[in-house]
Protein backbone atom coordinates (compact mmCIF):
# COMPACT_ATOMS: atom_id res chain seq x y z
CA MET A 1 95.54 87.13 240.24
CA THR A 2 98.32 87.50 242.76
CA ARG A 3 101.80 87.97 241.32
CA SER A 4 103.05 85.04 243.36
CA PHE A 5 100.40 82.66 242.04
CA ALA A 6 100.94 83.75 238.42
CA LEU A 7 104.69 83.19 238.74
CA LEU A 8 104.03 79.90 240.49
CA LEU A 9 101.89 78.61 237.63
CA VAL A 10 104.38 79.57 234.94
CA SER A 11 107.34 78.25 236.92
CA TRP A 12 105.54 75.00 237.77
CA LEU A 13 105.12 74.34 234.07
CA LEU A 14 108.78 74.98 233.36
CA LEU A 15 110.34 73.22 236.34
CA HIS A 16 108.17 70.28 237.34
CA PRO A 17 109.36 66.79 236.33
CA ALA A 18 105.81 65.77 235.38
CA CYS A 19 106.18 67.99 232.31
CA LEU A 20 108.46 65.34 230.89
CA HIS A 21 105.53 62.92 230.88
CA ALA A 22 102.93 65.42 229.74
CA GLN A 23 103.11 64.94 225.99
CA THR A 24 100.04 62.72 225.83
CA PRO A 25 97.27 63.65 228.26
CA SER A 26 94.62 60.95 228.49
CA GLU A 27 91.32 60.10 230.05
CA PRO A 28 91.36 57.37 232.70
CA SER A 29 91.29 53.93 231.11
CA ALA A 30 88.92 51.09 231.85
CA ASP A 31 91.71 49.34 233.74
CA THR A 32 92.18 52.18 236.25
CA PRO A 33 93.07 50.46 239.53
CA ALA A 34 90.69 50.62 242.47
CA GLN A 35 91.82 53.05 245.18
CA ASP A 36 90.65 53.85 248.67
CA GLY A 37 87.78 51.36 248.44
CA LEU A 38 86.45 52.80 245.18
CA LEU A 39 85.87 50.70 242.10
CA ALA A 40 87.54 51.66 238.83
CA ASP A 41 84.19 52.85 237.41
CA GLU A 42 83.64 55.16 240.41
CA ILE A 43 87.14 56.60 239.99
CA GLN A 44 86.50 57.21 236.30
CA GLN A 45 83.24 58.99 237.19
CA GLN A 46 85.11 61.22 239.66
CA TYR A 47 87.74 62.02 237.03
CA HIS A 48 85.08 62.81 234.44
CA LYS A 49 83.16 65.04 236.85
CA PHE A 50 86.35 66.92 237.82
CA ALA A 51 87.41 67.34 234.18
CA GLU A 52 83.97 68.74 233.32
CA ALA A 53 83.90 71.05 236.35
CA LEU A 54 87.31 72.58 235.55
CA SER A 55 86.93 72.87 231.77
CA GLY A 56 85.67 76.15 230.32
CA VAL A 57 85.52 77.99 233.64
CA LYS A 58 86.82 80.97 235.53
CA LEU A 59 87.63 80.74 239.19
CA VAL A 60 86.34 84.05 240.50
CA GLY A 61 87.00 84.89 244.11
CA ARG A 62 89.25 86.55 246.65
CA PHE A 63 92.44 85.91 248.56
CA THR A 64 93.69 87.02 251.94
CA THR A 65 97.17 87.54 253.35
CA LEU A 66 97.93 86.44 256.90
CA GLY A 67 98.81 89.39 259.10
CA GLN A 68 96.48 91.64 257.14
CA GLU A 69 93.22 90.34 258.59
CA ASN A 70 91.75 93.86 258.86
CA GLU A 71 92.09 94.37 255.10
CA LEU A 72 89.36 93.36 252.67
CA PRO A 73 90.27 90.22 250.69
CA ASP A 74 91.74 91.05 247.28
CA PRO A 75 89.94 89.89 244.10
CA GLU A 76 91.41 87.09 242.02
CA GLU A 77 90.46 85.37 238.78
CA TYR A 78 91.86 82.31 237.03
CA THR A 79 90.75 81.05 233.60
CA ILE A 80 90.88 77.31 232.95
CA TYR A 81 90.11 76.17 229.40
CA SER A 82 90.48 72.44 230.06
CA ALA A 83 91.47 69.85 232.64
CA THR A 84 92.71 66.44 231.50
CA LYS A 85 93.93 63.48 233.56
CA MET A 86 97.50 62.60 232.65
CA PRO A 87 98.50 58.95 232.25
CA ASP A 88 101.02 58.94 235.10
CA GLY A 89 100.11 59.16 238.77
CA ASP A 90 97.84 61.84 240.19
CA TYR A 91 98.75 64.56 237.67
CA TRP A 92 96.29 66.60 235.66
CA MET A 93 97.05 68.97 232.81
CA LEU A 94 95.23 72.29 233.19
CA LYS A 95 95.24 74.58 230.17
CA THR A 96 95.10 77.99 231.81
CA ARG A 97 95.23 81.64 230.92
CA ILE A 98 97.40 83.76 233.16
CA ARG A 99 96.88 87.52 233.13
CA TYR A 100 98.88 89.64 235.50
CA GLY A 101 100.27 93.09 234.78
CA GLY A 102 101.71 92.91 231.26
CA LEU A 103 101.65 89.11 231.26
CA ASP A 104 98.85 87.46 229.24
CA ILE A 105 99.63 83.88 228.23
CA THR A 106 97.86 80.56 227.89
CA VAL A 107 99.89 77.58 229.11
CA PRO A 108 99.31 73.94 229.98
CA ILE A 109 100.22 73.31 233.61
CA PRO A 110 100.60 69.87 235.20
CA LEU A 111 99.31 69.82 238.78
CA GLU A 112 99.00 67.01 241.29
CA VAL A 113 95.44 66.28 242.42
CA LYS A 114 94.70 64.17 245.50
CA TRP A 115 91.23 63.03 246.51
CA ALA A 116 89.56 63.38 249.89
CA GLY A 117 86.68 61.01 249.23
CA ASP A 118 84.79 62.66 246.37
CA THR A 119 86.59 66.02 246.77
CA PRO A 120 89.57 66.86 244.52
CA VAL A 121 92.42 68.82 246.10
CA ILE A 122 95.17 70.46 244.00
CA THR A 123 98.45 70.17 245.90
CA LEU A 124 101.84 71.87 245.76
CA THR A 125 104.36 71.30 248.53
CA LYS A 126 107.49 73.40 249.02
CA LEU A 127 108.16 73.87 245.32
CA ALA A 128 111.43 75.83 245.20
CA ILE A 129 111.68 78.15 242.22
CA PRO A 130 115.15 79.66 241.78
CA GLY A 131 115.06 83.42 242.21
CA LEU A 132 111.41 83.46 243.26
CA GLY A 133 111.13 81.45 246.46
CA THR A 134 109.28 78.42 247.74
CA PHE A 135 105.57 77.81 247.15
CA SER A 136 102.95 75.56 248.70
CA SER A 137 99.19 75.41 248.29
CA ARG A 138 96.11 73.28 248.79
CA VAL A 139 92.96 74.11 246.86
CA LEU A 140 89.82 71.99 247.05
CA PHE A 141 86.79 72.03 244.76
CA TYR A 142 83.22 71.20 245.75
CA ASN A 143 79.79 72.19 244.39
CA ASP A 144 81.11 74.87 242.01
CA LYS A 145 83.20 76.48 244.75
CA TYR A 146 86.88 76.44 245.63
CA ALA A 147 88.79 77.20 248.82
CA GLY A 148 92.31 76.76 250.00
CA THR A 149 95.54 78.02 251.39
CA TRP A 150 98.67 79.41 249.76
CA THR A 151 102.20 80.08 250.93
CA HIS A 152 105.04 81.92 249.21
CA GLY A 153 108.11 81.87 251.42
CA GLU A 154 107.13 83.55 254.69
CA VAL A 155 103.87 84.99 253.31
CA GLY A 156 100.63 83.07 253.02
CA GLY A 157 96.91 83.23 253.28
CA HIS A 158 93.60 81.86 252.08
CA LEU A 159 91.74 81.88 248.78
CA PHE A 160 88.13 81.14 247.97
CA GLY A 161 85.51 81.69 245.30
CA THR A 162 83.17 80.15 242.75
CA LEU A 163 83.49 78.45 239.38
CA LYS A 164 81.77 80.39 236.57
CA GLU A 165 81.27 79.18 233.01
CA LEU A 166 83.33 81.11 230.49
CA ASP A 167 81.31 83.71 228.63
CA ASP A 168 81.48 83.87 224.82
CA GLN A 169 84.25 86.49 224.82
CA ASP A 170 86.47 84.45 227.16
CA ALA A 171 85.81 81.22 225.28
CA LYS A 172 86.80 82.91 221.99
CA ALA A 173 90.06 84.12 223.58
CA GLU A 174 91.31 80.55 223.88
CA PRO A 175 94.18 80.02 221.44
């Protein structure tokens, strides 16, 4: 995992206002409003499918850095134990494990998810973290794959990979 992304995840948890509303994650209710021409039942099905896809998985892939196109993409790995729709807005609570250098913690992280039709896209836009910089990203998920872009200040690039079910050892590591 890139240092920037690990710091971003931890900082997002600590600084984002959605954390104030994150005490009670919930599944979408039967009265979920229709959006973008979808019926409430279709939206609930999308939410359920996304929650299932991002629960008990590792995102295993690579990332690139713009300006270093001749370098091989670096490996990355993210563990997600669960994904739950929060009651307010487009926020989801992802219970993740972050391992980078000496850091090894499991934290719940609220992230905004927008939908492009049936495709969920995690979004961060110019999130300023004091002492660390400004972060933006877009990561979409489709057919057990993910792809996206990331920016940390003046540096950015692409990330991509596949979703893999957690093996027994990883699943047991969940606190």
